């Protein structure tokens, strides 16, 4: 009887921790940005970005394969529209030349604003 109670307690604790971890991942700034993200991790890459969207990119960050994220990516942050509840993000492959060019353009734009 004691073993069964202990086992039940361990299962309840594990379930609670798993649910808490899933909830914590969904509360990040980029959590609901674009399809293909889970928490703050990109799950895939876009192949291209429309020129209008490129003009509205305000920053970027690098995602590495450490921790919870499984792929390397450049995560571009798009200017928030008033009608959107969350800020949109775009995940791109850091090895593609167009991504490197866009990173440099955004970096230059950020420097010019400061």
PDB file of N, CA and C in Angstrom:
ATOM      1  N   UNK A   1       0.814  -1.193   0.000  1.00  0.00           N
ATOM      2  CA  UNK A   1       0.000   0.000   0.000  1.00  0.00           C
ATOM      3  C   UNK A   1       0.861   1.262   0.000  1.00  0.00           C
ATOM      4  N   UNK A   2       1.937   1.278   0.804  1.00  0.00           N
ATOM      5  CA  UNK A   2       2.811   2.448   0.850  1.00  0.00           C
ATOM      6  C   UNK A   2       3.500   2.666  -0.494  1.00  0.00           C
ATOM      7  N   UNK A   3       3.902   1.580  -1.144  1.00  0.00           N
ATOM      8  CA  UNK A   3       4.557   1.679  -2.448  1.00  0.00           C
ATOM      9  C   UNK A   3       3.612   2.297  -3.477  1.00  0.00           C
ATOM     10  N   UNK A   4       2.363   1.888  -3.488  1.00  0.00           N
ATOM     11  CA  UNK A   4       1.389   2.414  -4.441  1.00  0.00           C
ATOM     12  C   UNK A   4       1.132   3.900  -4.194  1.00  0.00           C
ATOM     13  N   UNK A   5       1.065   4.306  -2.958  1.00  0.00           N
ATOM     14  CA  UNK A   5       0.859   5.713  -2.622  1.00  0.00           C
ATOM     15  C   UNK A   5       2.067   6.538  -3.055  1.00  0.00           C
ATOM     16  N   UNK A   6       3.253   6.005  -2.839  1.00  0.00           N
ATOM     17  CA  UNK A   6       4.472   6.697  -3.243  1.00  0.00           C
ATOM     18  C   UNK A   6       4.535   6.827  -4.767  1.00  0.00           C
ATOM     19  N   UNK A   7       4.200   5.763  -5.464  1.00  0.00           N
ATOM     20  CA  UNK A   7       4.201   5.784  -6.926  1.00  0.00           C
ATOM     21  C   UNK A   7       3.192   6.811  -7.453  1.00  0.00           C
ATOM     22  N   UNK A   8       2.021   6.852  -6.875  1.00  0.00           N
ATOM     23  CA  UNK A   8       1.008   7.814  -7.274  1.00  0.00           C
ATOM     24  C   UNK A   8       1.494   9.240  -7.030  1.00  0.00           C
ATOM     25  N   UNK A   9       2.136   9.486  -5.919  1.00  0.00           N
ATOM     26  CA  UNK A   9       2.665  10.804  -5.611  1.00  0.00           C
ATOM     27  C   UNK A   9       3.730  11.229  -6.629  1.00  0.00           C
ATOM     28  N   UNK A  10       4.608  10.318  -6.977  1.00  0.00           N
ATOM     29  CA  UNK A  10       5.656  10.612  -7.968  1.00  0.00           C
ATOM     30  C   UNK A  10       5.025  10.928  -9.320  1.00  0.00           C
ATOM     31  N   UNK A  11       4.022  10.193  -9.735  1.00  0.00           N
ATOM     32  CA  UNK A  11       3.345  10.449 -11.008  1.00  0.00           C
ATOM     33  C   UNK A  11       2.665  11.813 -11.014  1.00  0.00           C
ATOM     34  N   UNK A  12       2.034  12.176  -9.919  1.00  0.00           N
ATOM     35  CA  UNK A  12       1.380  13.478  -9.831  1.00  0.00           C
ATOM     36  C   UNK A  12       2.399  14.603  -9.917  1.00  0.00           C
ATOM     37  N   UNK A  13       3.516  14.459  -9.242  1.00  0.00           N
ATOM     38  CA  UNK A  13       4.566  15.484  -9.279  1.00  0.00           C
ATOM     39  C   UNK A  13       5.132  15.619 -10.683  1.00  0.00           C
ATOM     40  N   UNK A  14       5.425  14.506 -11.334  1.00  0.00           N
ATOM     41  CA  UNK A  14       5.961  14.548 -12.702  1.00  0.00           C
ATOM     42  C   UNK A  14       4.980  15.212 -13.660  1.00  0.00           C
ATOM     43  N   UNK A  15       3.724  14.866 -13.548  1.00  0.00           N
ATOM     44  CA  UNK A  15       2.705  15.467 -14.412  1.00  0.00           C
ATOM     45  C   UNK A  15       2.613  16.965 -14.175  1.00  0.00           C
ATOM     46  N   UNK A  16       2.639  17.381 -12.937  1.00  0.00           N
ATOM     47  CA  UNK A  16       2.575  18.802 -12.606  1.00  0.00           C
ATOM     48  C   UNK A  16       3.771  19.550 -13.185  1.00  0.00           C
ATOM     49  N   UNK A  17       4.955  18.985 -13.077  1.00  0.00           N
ATOM     50  CA  UNK A  17       6.152  19.631 -13.616  1.00  0.00           C
ATOM     51  C   UNK A  17       6.094  19.729 -15.132  1.00  0.00           C
ATOM     52  N   UNK A  18       5.602  18.699 -15.798  1.00  0.00           N
ATOM     53  CA  UNK A  18       5.485  18.729 -17.261  1.00  0.00           C
ATOM     54  C   UNK A  18       4.505  19.806 -17.706  1.00  0.00           C
ATOM     55  N   UNK A  19       3.383  19.911 -17.054  1.00  0.00           N
ATOM     56  CA  UNK A  19       2.390  20.930 -17.405  1.00  0.00           C
ATOM     57  C   UNK A  19       2.948  22.317 -17.137  1.00  0.00           C
ATOM     58  N   UNK A  20       3.643  22.498 -16.035  1.00  0.00           N
ATOM     59  CA  UNK A  20       4.226  23.796 -15.699  1.00  0.00           C
ATOM     60  C   UNK A  20       5.267  24.204 -16.736  1.00  0.00           C
ATOM     61  N   UNK A  21       6.056  23.251 -17.216  1.00  0.00           N
ATOM     62  CA  UNK A  21       7.071  23.560 -18.214  1.00  0.00           C
ATOM     63  C   UNK A  21       6.411  23.971 -19.526  1.00  0.00           C
ATOM     64  N   UNK A  22       5.353  23.288 -19.950  1.00  0.00           N
ATOM     65  CA  UNK A  22       4.652  23.651 -21.174  1.00  0.00           C
ATOM     66  C   UNK A  22       4.032  25.030 -21.063  1.00  0.00           C
ATOM     67  N   UNK A  23       3.463  25.372 -19.904  1.00  0.00           N
ATOM     68  CA  UNK A  23       2.874  26.691 -19.704  1.00  0.00           C
ATOM     69  C   UNK A  23       3.943  27.770 -19.756  1.00  0.00           C
ATOM     70  N   UNK A  24       5.097  27.513 -19.173  1.00  0.00           N
ATOM     71  CA  UNK A  24       6.169  28.508 -19.153  1.00  0.00           C
ATOM     72  C   UNK A  24       6.676  28.782 -20.557  1.00  0.00           C
ATOM     73  N   UNK A  25       6.713  27.776 -21.405  1.00  0.00           N
ATOM     74  CA  UNK A  25       7.195  27.988 -22.771  1.00  0.00           C
ATOM     75  C   UNK A  25       6.237  28.849 -23.575  1.00  0.00           C
ATOM     76  N   UNK A  26       4.993  28.809 -23.285  1.00  0.00           N
ATOM     77  CA  UNK A  26       4.000  29.551 -24.050  1.00  0.00           C
ATOM     78  C   UNK A  26       3.842  30.993 -23.641  1.00  0.00           C
ATOM     79  N   UNK A  27       4.605  31.483 -22.674  1.00  0.00           N
ATOM     80  CA  UNK A  27       4.425  32.851 -22.207  1.00  0.00           C
ATOM     81  C   UNK A  27       5.499  33.802 -22.706  1.00  0.00           C
ATOM     82  N   UNK A  28       6.425  33.357 -23.520  1.00  0.00           N
ATOM     83  CA  UNK A  28       7.492  34.223 -23.990  1.00  0.00           C
ATOM     84  C   UNK A  28       7.014  35.249 -24.992  1.00  0.00           C
ATOM     85  N   UNK A  29       7.837  36.273 -25.207  1.00  0.00           N
ATOM     86  CA  UNK A  29       7.490  37.349 -26.130  1.00  0.00           C
ATOM     87  C   UNK A  29       7.279  36.825 -27.538  1.00  0.00           C
ATOM     88  N   UNK A  30       8.082  35.850 -27.945  1.00  0.00           N
ATOM     89  CA  UNK A  30       8.016  35.336 -29.305  1.00  0.00           C
ATOM     90  C   UNK A  30       7.201  34.054 -29.400  1.00  0.00           C
ATOM     91  N   UNK A  31       6.492  33.704 -28.364  1.00  0.00           N
ATOM     92  CA  UNK A  31       5.872  32.386 -28.317  1.00  0.00           C
ATOM     93  C   UNK A  31       4.811  32.171 -29.377  1.00  0.00           C
ATOM     94  N   UNK A  32       4.084  33.199 -29.733  1.00  0.00           N
ATOM     95  CA  UNK A  32       3.035  33.016 -30.729  1.00  0.00           C
ATOM     96  C   UNK A  32       3.328  33.873 -31.949  1.00  0.00           C
ATOM     97  N   UNK A  33       4.613  34.099 -32.212  1.00  0.00           N
ATOM     98  CA  UNK A  33       4.969  34.989 -33.295  1.00  0.00           C
ATOM     99  C   UNK A  33       4.650  34.463 -34.667  1.00  0.00           C
ATOM    100  N   UNK A  34       5.214  33.371 -35.050  1.00  0.00           N
ATOM    101  CA  UNK A  34       4.986  32.847 -36.383  1.00  0.00           C
ATOM    102  C   UNK A  34       4.817  31.349 -36.301  1.00  0.00           C
ATOM    103  N   UNK A  35       4.188  30.785 -37.314  1.00  0.00           N
ATOM    104  CA  UNK A  35       4.088  29.334 -37.311  1.00  0.00           C
ATOM    105  C   UNK A  35       5.486  28.737 -37.312  1.00  0.00           C
ATOM    106  N   UNK A  36       5.653  27.640 -36.684  1.00  0.00           N
ATOM    107  CA  UNK A  36       6.964  27.009 -36.631  1.00  0.00           C
ATOM    108  C   UNK A  36       7.765  27.382 -35.409  1.00  0.00           C
ATOM    109  N   UNK A  37       7.152  27.999 -34.417  1.00  0.00           N
ATOM    110  CA  UNK A  37       7.871  28.289 -33.187  1.00  0.00           C
ATOM    111  C   UNK A  37       7.198  27.580 -32.031  1.00  0.00           C
ATOM    112  N   UNK A  38       7.994  27.204 -31.063  1.00  0.00           N
ATOM    113  CA  UNK A  38       7.473  26.599 -29.844  1.00  0.00           C
ATOM    114  C   UNK A  38       8.186  27.277 -28.697  1.00  0.00           C
ATOM    115  N   UNK A  39       7.452  28.030 -27.914  1.00  0.00           N
ATOM    116  CA  UNK A  39       8.112  28.831 -26.891  1.00  0.00           C
ATOM    117  C   UNK A  39       8.961  29.862 -27.594  1.00  0.00           C
ATOM    118  N   UNK A  40      10.219  29.912 -27.299  1.00  0.00           N
ATOM    119  CA  UNK A  40      11.137  30.813 -27.985  1.00  0.00           C
ATOM    120  C   UNK A  40      12.008  30.102 -29.003  1.00  0.00           C
ATOM    121  N   UNK A  41      11.625  28.903 -29.416  1.00  0.00           N
ATOM    122  CA  UNK A  41      12.431  28.127 -30.360  1.00  0.00           C
ATOM    123  C   UNK A  41      11.773  28.027 -31.724  1.00  0.00           C
ATOM    124  N   UNK A  42      12.579  28.206 -32.758  1.00  0.00           N
ATOM    125  CA  UNK A  42      12.107  27.981 -34.124  1.00  0.00           C
ATOM    126  C   UNK A  42      12.129  26.484 -34.403  1.00  0.00           C
ATOM    127  N   UNK A  43      11.115  26.013 -35.095  1.00  0.00           N
ATOM    128  CA  UNK A  43      11.056  24.603 -35.472  1.00  0.00           C
ATOM    129  C   UNK A  43      11.358  24.401 -36.947  1.00  0.00           C
ATOM    130  N   UNK A  44      11.414  25.491 -37.699  1.00  0.00           N
ATOM    131  CA  UNK A  44      11.699  25.416 -39.127  1.00  0.00           C
ATOM    132  C   UNK A  44      12.142  26.774 -39.632  1.00  0.00           C
ATOM    133  N   UNK A  45      12.495  26.815 -40.932  1.00  0.00           N
ATOM    134  CA  UNK A  45      12.970  28.046 -41.561  1.00  0.00           C
ATOM    135  C   UNK A  45      12.035  28.448 -42.694  1.00  0.00           C
ATOM    136  N   UNK A  46      11.910  29.755 -42.914  1.00  0.00           N
ATOM    137  CA  UNK A  46      11.229  30.239 -44.105  1.00  0.00           C
ATOM    138  C   UNK A  46      12.213  30.181 -45.264  1.00  0.00           C
ATOM    139  N   UNK A  47      11.692  30.090 -46.475  1.00  0.00           N
ATOM    140  CA  UNK A  47      12.582  30.044 -47.651  1.00  0.00           C
ATOM    141  C   UNK A  47      12.880  31.427 -48.190  1.00  0.00           C
ATOM    142  N   UNK A  48      11.916  32.329 -48.015  1.00  0.00           N
ATOM    143  CA  UNK A  48      12.106  33.709 -48.473  1.00  0.00           C
ATOM    144  C   UNK A  48      11.181  34.625 -47.677  1.00  0.00           C
ATOM    145  N   UNK A  49      11.460  35.936 -47.793  1.00  0.00           N
ATOM    146  CA  UNK A  49      10.665  36.951 -47.108  1.00  0.00           C
ATOM    147  C   UNK A  49      10.324  38.024 -48.140  1.00  0.00           C
ATOM    148  N   UNK A  50       9.080  38.454 -48.149  1.00  0.00           N
ATOM    149  CA  UNK A  50       8.647  39.490 -49.093  1.00  0.00           C
ATOM    150  C   UNK A  50       9.373  40.804 -48.795  1.00  0.00           C
ATOM    151  N   UNK A  51       9.622  41.613 -49.829  1.00  0.00           N
ATOM    152  CA  UNK A  51      10.322  42.883 -49.622  1.00  0.00           C
ATOM    153  C   UNK A  51       9.631  43.802 -48.623  1.00  0.00           C
ATOM    154  N   UNK A  52       8.276  43.820 -48.600  1.00  0.00           N
ATOM    155  CA  UNK A  52       7.561  44.676 -47.657  1.00  0.00           C
ATOM    156  C   UNK A  52       7.863  44.258 -46.213  1.00  0.00           C
ATOM    157  N   UNK A  53       7.980  42.967 -45.994  1.00  0.00           N
ATOM    158  CA  UNK A  53       8.265  42.461 -44.649  1.00  0.00           C
ATOM    159  C   UNK A  53       9.708  42.779 -44.278  1.00  0.00           C
ATOM    160  N   UNK A  54      10.624  42.657 -45.231  1.00  0.00           N
ATOM    161  CA  UNK A  54      12.024  42.970 -44.956  1.00  0.00           C
ATOM    162  C   UNK A  54      12.191  44.394 -44.445  1.00  0.00           C
ATOM    163  N   UNK A  55      11.405  45.307 -44.989  1.00  0.00           N
ATOM    164  CA  UNK A  55      11.498  46.711 -44.572  1.00  0.00           C
ATOM    165  C   UNK A  55      10.989  46.915 -43.149  1.00  0.00           C
ATOM    166  N   UNK A  56      10.142  46.022 -42.671  1.00  0.00           N
ATOM    167  CA  UNK A  56       9.557  46.160 -41.335  1.00  0.00           C
ATOM    168  C   UNK A  56      10.274  45.353 -40.260  1.00  0.00           C
ATOM    169  N   UNK A  57      11.394  44.738 -40.595  1.00  0.00           N
ATOM    170  CA  UNK A  57      12.156  43.998 -39.592  1.00  0.00           C
ATOM    171  C   UNK A  57      12.924  45.009 -38.754  1.00  0.00           C
ATOM    172  N   UNK A  58      12.766  44.894 -37.427  1.00  0.00           N
ATOM    173  CA  UNK A  58      13.417  45.872 -36.552  1.00  0.00           C
ATOM    174  C   UNK A  58      14.607  45.314 -35.783  1.00  0.00           C
ATOM    175  N   UNK A  59      14.690  43.990 -35.632  1.00  0.00           N
ATOM    176  CA  UNK A  59      15.837  43.412 -34.928  1.00  0.00           C
ATOM    177  C   UNK A  59      15.929  41.922 -35.247  1.00  0.00           C
ATOM    178  N   UNK A  60      16.982  41.312 -34.737  1.00  0.00           N
ATOM    179  CA  UNK A  60      17.147  39.867 -34.900  1.00  0.00           C
ATOM    180  C   UNK A  60      17.955  39.328 -33.735  1.00  0.00           C
ATOM    181  N   UNK A  61      17.861  38.030 -33.545  1.00  0.00           N
ATOM    182  CA  UNK A  61      18.689  37.332 -32.561  1.00  0.00           C
ATOM    183  C   UNK A  61      19.060  35.982 -33.152  1.00  0.00           C
ATOM    184  N   UNK A  62      20.115  35.407 -32.631  1.00  0.00           N
ATOM    185  CA  UNK A  62      20.555  34.088 -33.080  1.00  0.00           C
ATOM    186  C   UNK A  62      19.985  33.021 -32.146  1.00  0.00           C
ATOM    187  N   UNK A  63      19.515  31.950 -32.725  1.00  0.00           N
ATOM    188  CA  UNK A  63      19.077  30.790 -31.948  1.00  0.00           C
ATOM    189  C   UNK A  63      20.089  29.682 -32.198  1.00  0.00           C
ATOM    190  N   UNK A  64      20.673  29.188 -31.153  1.00  0.00           N
ATOM    191  CA  UNK A  64      21.638  28.089 -31.262  1.00  0.00           C
ATOM    192  C   UNK A  64      20.976  26.781 -30.833  1.00  0.00           C
ATOM    193  N   UNK A  65      21.680  25.695 -31.024  1.00  0.00           N
ATOM    194  CA  UNK A  65      21.111  24.376 -30.731  1.00  0.00           C
ATOM    195  C   UNK A  65      21.331  23.938 -29.299  1.00  0.00           C
ATOM    196  N   UNK A  66      21.642  24.862 -28.425  1.00  0.00           N
ATOM    197  CA  UNK A  66      21.809  24.500 -27.023  1.00  0.00           C
ATOM    198  C   UNK A  66      20.469  24.601 -26.295  1.00  0.00           C
ATOM    199  N   UNK A  67      20.353  23.948 -25.203  1.00  0.00           N
ATOM    200  CA  UNK A  67      19.117  24.024 -24.423  1.00  0.00           C
ATOM    201  C   UNK A  67      17.958  23.308 -25.086  1.00  0.00           C
ATOM    202  N   UNK A  68      16.825  23.992 -25.206  1.00  0.00           N
ATOM    203  CA  UNK A  68      15.607  23.386 -25.724  1.00  0.00           C
ATOM    204  C   UNK A  68      15.485  23.434 -27.240  1.00  0.00           C
ATOM    205  N   UNK A  69      16.250  24.252 -27.909  1.00  0.00           N
ATOM    206  CA  UNK A  69      16.085  24.456 -29.348  1.00  0.00           C
ATOM    207  C   UNK A  69      16.889  23.434 -30.145  1.00  0.00           C
ATOM    208  N   UNK A  70      16.271  22.924 -31.214  1.00  0.00           N
ATOM    209  CA  UNK A  70      16.885  21.842 -31.981  1.00  0.00           C
ATOM    210  C   UNK A  70      17.579  22.287 -33.254  1.00  0.00           C
ATOM    211  N   UNK A  71      17.324  23.505 -33.730  1.00  0.00           N
ATOM    212  CA  UNK A  71      17.953  23.974 -34.967  1.00  0.00           C
ATOM    213  C   UNK A  71      18.561  25.348 -34.759  1.00  0.00           C
ATOM    214  N   UNK A  72      19.595  25.643 -35.564  1.00  0.00           N
ATOM    215  CA  UNK A  72      20.155  26.994 -35.599  1.00  0.00           C
ATOM    216  C   UNK A  72      19.248  27.843 -36.461  1.00  0.00           C
ATOM    217  N   UNK A  73      19.056  29.085 -36.060  1.00  0.00           N
ATOM    218  CA  UNK A  73      18.206  29.984 -36.838  1.00  0.00           C
ATOM    219  C   UNK A  73      18.520  31.432 -36.499  1.00  0.00           C
ATOM    220  N   UNK A  74      18.213  32.307 -37.444  1.00  0.00           N
ATOM    221  CA  UNK A  74      18.182  33.736 -37.190  1.00  0.00           C
ATOM    222  C   UNK A  74      16.712  34.061 -36.988  1.00  0.00           C
ATOM    223  N   UNK A  75      16.389  34.656 -35.856  1.00  0.00           N
ATOM    224  CA  UNK A  75      15.003  34.997 -35.540  1.00  0.00           C
ATOM    225  C   UNK A  75      14.840  36.502 -35.723  1.00  0.00           C
ATOM    226  N   UNK A  76      14.170  36.876 -36.811  1.00  0.00           N
ATOM    227  CA  UNK A  76      13.920  38.281 -37.102  1.00  0.00           C
ATOM    228  C   UNK A  76      12.636  38.714 -36.404  1.00  0.00           C
ATOM    229  N   UNK A  77      12.650  39.899 -35.807  1.00  0.00           N
ATOM    230  CA  UNK A  77      11.476  40.466 -35.156  1.00  0.00           C
ATOM    231  C   UNK A  77      10.901  41.548 -36.054  1.00  0.00           C
ATOM    232  N   UNK A  78       9.626  41.405 -36.393  1.00  0.00           N
ATOM    233  CA  UNK A  78       8.941  42.344 -37.279  1.00  0.00           C
ATOM    234  C   UNK A  78       8.219  43.381 -36.422  1.00  0.00           C
ATOM    235  N   UNK A  79       8.181  44.628 -36.897  1.00  0.00           N
ATOM    236  CA  UNK A  79       7.479  45.686 -36.177  1.00  0.00           C
ATOM    237  C   UNK A  79       6.052  45.250 -35.891  1.00  0.00           C
ATOM    238  N   UNK A  80       5.605  45.537 -34.674  1.00  0.00           N
ATOM    239  CA  UNK A  80       4.269  45.119 -34.239  1.00  0.00           C
ATOM    240  C   UNK A  80       3.214  46.043 -34.840  1.00  0.00           C
ATOM    241  N   UNK A  81       2.203  45.425 -35.428  1.00  0.00           N
ATOM    242  CA  UNK A  81       1.068  46.179 -35.949  1.00  0.00           C
ATOM    243  C   UNK A  81       0.076  46.417 -34.811  1.00  0.00           C
ATOM    244  N   UNK A  82      -0.616  47.540 -34.845  1.00  0.00           N
ATOM    245  CA  UNK A  82      -1.586  47.825 -33.769  1.00  0.00           C
ATOM    246  C   UNK A  82      -2.686  46.775 -33.649  1.00  0.00           C
ATOM    247  N   UNK A  83      -3.076  46.181 -34.768  1.00  0.00           N
ATOM    248  CA  UNK A  83      -4.168  45.208 -34.719  1.00  0.00           C
ATOM    249  C   UNK A  83      -3.728  43.814 -34.258  1.00  0.00           C
ATOM    250  N   UNK A  84      -2.424  43.588 -34.129  1.00  0.00           N
ATOM    251  CA  UNK A  84      -1.927  42.288 -33.681  1.00  0.00           C
ATOM    252  C   UNK A  84      -1.681  42.300 -32.170  1.00  0.00           C
ATOM    253  N   UNK A  85      -1.981  41.184 -31.546  1.00  0.00           N
ATOM    254  CA  UNK A  85      -1.779  41.079 -30.098  1.00  0.00           C
ATOM    255  C   UNK A  85      -0.323  40.808 -29.746  1.00  0.00           C
ATOM    256  N   UNK A  86       0.372  40.077 -30.604  1.00  0.00           N
ATOM    257  CA  UNK A  86       1.763  39.726 -30.317  1.00  0.00           C
ATOM    258  C   UNK A  86       2.663  40.185 -31.454  1.00  0.00           C
ATOM    259  N   UNK A  87       3.935  40.272 -31.151  1.00  0.00           N
ATOM    260  CA  UNK A  87       4.919  40.654 -32.154  1.00  0.00           C
ATOM    261  C   UNK A  87       5.290  39.432 -32.984  1.00  0.00           C
ATOM    262  N   UNK A  88       5.346  39.604 -34.280  1.00  0.00           N
ATOM    263  CA  UNK A  88       5.626  38.509 -35.189  1.00  0.00           C
ATOM    264  C   UNK A  88       7.127  38.259 -35.310  1.00  0.00           C
ATOM    265  N   UNK A  89       7.495  37.010 -35.421  1.00  0.00           N
ATOM    266  CA  UNK A  89       8.893  36.653 -35.647  1.00  0.00           C
ATOM    267  C   UNK A  89       8.985  35.784 -36.896  1.00  0.00           C
ATOM    268  N   UNK A  90      10.164  35.818 -37.516  1.00  0.00           N
ATOM    269  CA  UNK A  90      10.432  35.020 -38.709  1.00  0.00           C
ATOM    270  C   UNK A  90      11.721  34.260 -38.466  1.00  0.00           C
ATOM    271  N   UNK A  91      11.684  32.970 -38.688  1.00  0.00           N
ATOM    272  CA  UNK A  91      12.856  32.109 -38.488  1.00  0.00           C
ATOM    273  C   UNK A  91      13.492  31.808 -39.837  1.00  0.00           C
ATOM    274  N   UNK A  92      14.786  32.055 -39.951  1.00  0.00           N
ATOM    275  CA  UNK A  92      15.486  31.848 -41.222  1.00  0.00           C
ATOM    276  C   UNK A  92      16.785  31.085 -40.989  1.00  0.00           C
ATOM    277  N   UNK A  93      17.227  30.403 -42.035  1.00  0.00           N
ATOM    278  CA  UNK A  93      18.454  29.610 -41.975  1.00  0.00           C
ATOM    279  C   UNK A  93      19.668  30.540 -42.019  1.00  0.00           C
ATOM    280  N   UNK A  94      20.512  30.534 -40.992  1.00  0.00           N
ATOM    281  CA  UNK A  94      21.657  31.454 -40.956  1.00  0.00           C
ATOM    282  C   UNK A  94      22.715  31.169 -42.015  1.00  0.00           C
ATOM    283  N   UNK A  95      22.654  30.013 -42.669  1.00  0.00           N
ATOM    284  CA  UNK A  95      23.649  29.669 -43.683  1.00  0.00           C
ATOM    285  C   UNK A  95      23.296  30.212 -45.065  1.00  0.00           C
ATOM    286  N   UNK A  96      22.061  30.662 -45.278  1.00  0.00           N
ATOM    287  CA  UNK A  96      21.658  31.177 -46.583  1.00  0.00           C
ATOM    288  C   UNK A  96      22.185  32.595 -46.788  1.00  0.00           C
ATOM    289  N   UNK A  97      22.694  32.877 -47.991  1.00  0.00           N
ATOM    290  CA  UNK A  97      23.254  34.214 -48.260  1.00  0.00           C
ATOM    291  C   UNK A  97      22.246  35.352 -48.073  1.00  0.00           C
ATOM    292  N   UNK A  98      20.984  35.161 -48.461  1.00  0.00           N
ATOM    293  CA  UNK A  98      20.004  36.243 -48.324  1.00  0.00           C
ATOM    294  C   UNK A  98      19.753  36.576 -46.855  1.00  0.00           C
ATOM    295  N   UNK A  99      19.889  35.575 -45.983  1.00  0.00           N
ATOM    296  CA  UNK A  99      19.704  35.809 -44.547  1.00  0.00           C
ATOM    297  C   UNK A  99      20.873  36.623 -44.005  1.00  0.00           C
ATOM    298  N   UNK A 100      22.071  36.289 -44.442  1.00  0.00           N
ATOM    299  CA  UNK A 100      23.245  37.049 -44.003  1.00  0.00           C
ATOM    300  C   UNK A 100      23.168  38.495 -44.483  1.00  0.00           C
ATOM    301  N   UNK A 101      22.694  38.693 -45.726  1.00  0.00           N
ATOM    302  CA  UNK A 101      22.530  40.054 -46.248  1.00  0.00           C
ATOM    303  C   UNK A 101      21.469  40.826 -45.453  1.00  0.00           C
ATOM    304  N   UNK A 102      20.380  40.159 -45.130  1.00  0.00           N
ATOM    305  CA  UNK A 102      19.315  40.809 -44.364  1.00  0.00           C
ATOM    306  C   UNK A 102      19.778  41.145 -42.949  1.00  0.00           C
ATOM    307  N   UNK A 103      20.557  40.257 -42.341  1.00  0.00           N
ATOM    308  CA  UNK A 103      21.115  40.543 -41.015  1.00  0.00           C
ATOM    309  C   UNK A 103      21.963  41.805 -41.055  1.00  0.00           C
ATOM    310  N   UNK A 104      22.795  41.916 -42.072  1.00  0.00           N
ATOM    311  CA  UNK A 104      23.665  43.085 -42.195  1.00  0.00           C
ATOM    312  C   UNK A 104      22.847  44.355 -42.432  1.00  0.00           C
ATOM    313  N   UNK A 105      21.809  44.265 -43.249  1.00  0.00           N
ATOM    314  CA  UNK A 105      20.954  45.430 -43.510  1.00  0.00           C
ATOM    315  C   UNK A 105      20.245  45.873 -42.230  1.00  0.00           C
ATOM    316  N   UNK A 106      19.758  44.924 -41.457  1.00  0.00           N
ATOM    317  CA  UNK A 106      19.083  45.258 -40.197  1.00  0.00           C
ATOM    318  C   UNK A 106      20.087  45.846 -39.210  1.00  0.00           C
ATOM    319  N   UNK A 107      21.294  45.287 -39.164  1.00  0.00           N
ATOM    320  CA  UNK A 107      22.339  45.809 -38.278  1.00  0.00           C
ATOM    321  C   UNK A 107      22.656  47.256 -38.638  1.00  0.00           C
ATOM    322  N   UNK A 108      22.802  47.542 -39.934  1.00  0.00           N
ATOM    323  CA  UNK A 108      23.086  48.906 -40.377  1.00  0.00           C
ATOM    324  C   UNK A 108      21.939  49.852 -40.026  1.00  0.00           C
ATOM    325  N   UNK A 109      20.692  49.384 -40.206  1.00  0.00           N
ATOM    326  CA  UNK A 109      19.512  50.192 -39.876  1.00  0.00           C
ATOM    327  C   UNK A 109      19.475  50.507 -38.382  1.00  0.00           C
ATOM    328  N   UNK A 110      19.825  49.514 -37.565  1.00  0.00           N
ATOM    329  CA  UNK A 110      19.837  49.712 -36.117  1.00  0.00           C
ATOM    330  C   UNK A 110      20.916  50.708 -35.702  1.00  0.00           C
ATOM    331  N   UNK A 111      22.076  50.631 -36.344  1.00  0.00           N
ATOM    332  CA  UNK A 111      23.157  51.583 -36.046  1.00  0.00           C
ATOM    333  C   UNK A 111      22.784  53.000 -36.460  1.00  0.00           C
ATOM    334  N   UNK A 112      22.088  53.133 -37.581  1.00  0.00           N
ATOM    335  CA  UNK A 112      21.698  54.463 -38.062  1.00  0.00           C
ATOM    336  C   UNK A 112      20.674  55.103 -37.142  1.00  0.00           C
ATOM    337  N   UNK A 113      19.847  54.300 -36.474  1.00  0.00           N
ATOM    338  CA  UNK A 113      18.841  54.841 -35.575  1.00  0.00           C
ATOM    339  C   UNK A 113      19.447  55.337 -34.257  1.00  0.00           C
ATOM    340  N   UNK A 114      20.606  54.795 -33.894  1.00  0.00           N
ATOM    341  CA  UNK A 114      21.245  55.194 -32.623  1.00  0.00           C
ATOM    342  C   UNK A 114      22.114  56.362 -32.804  1.00  0.00           C
TER     343      UNK A 114
END
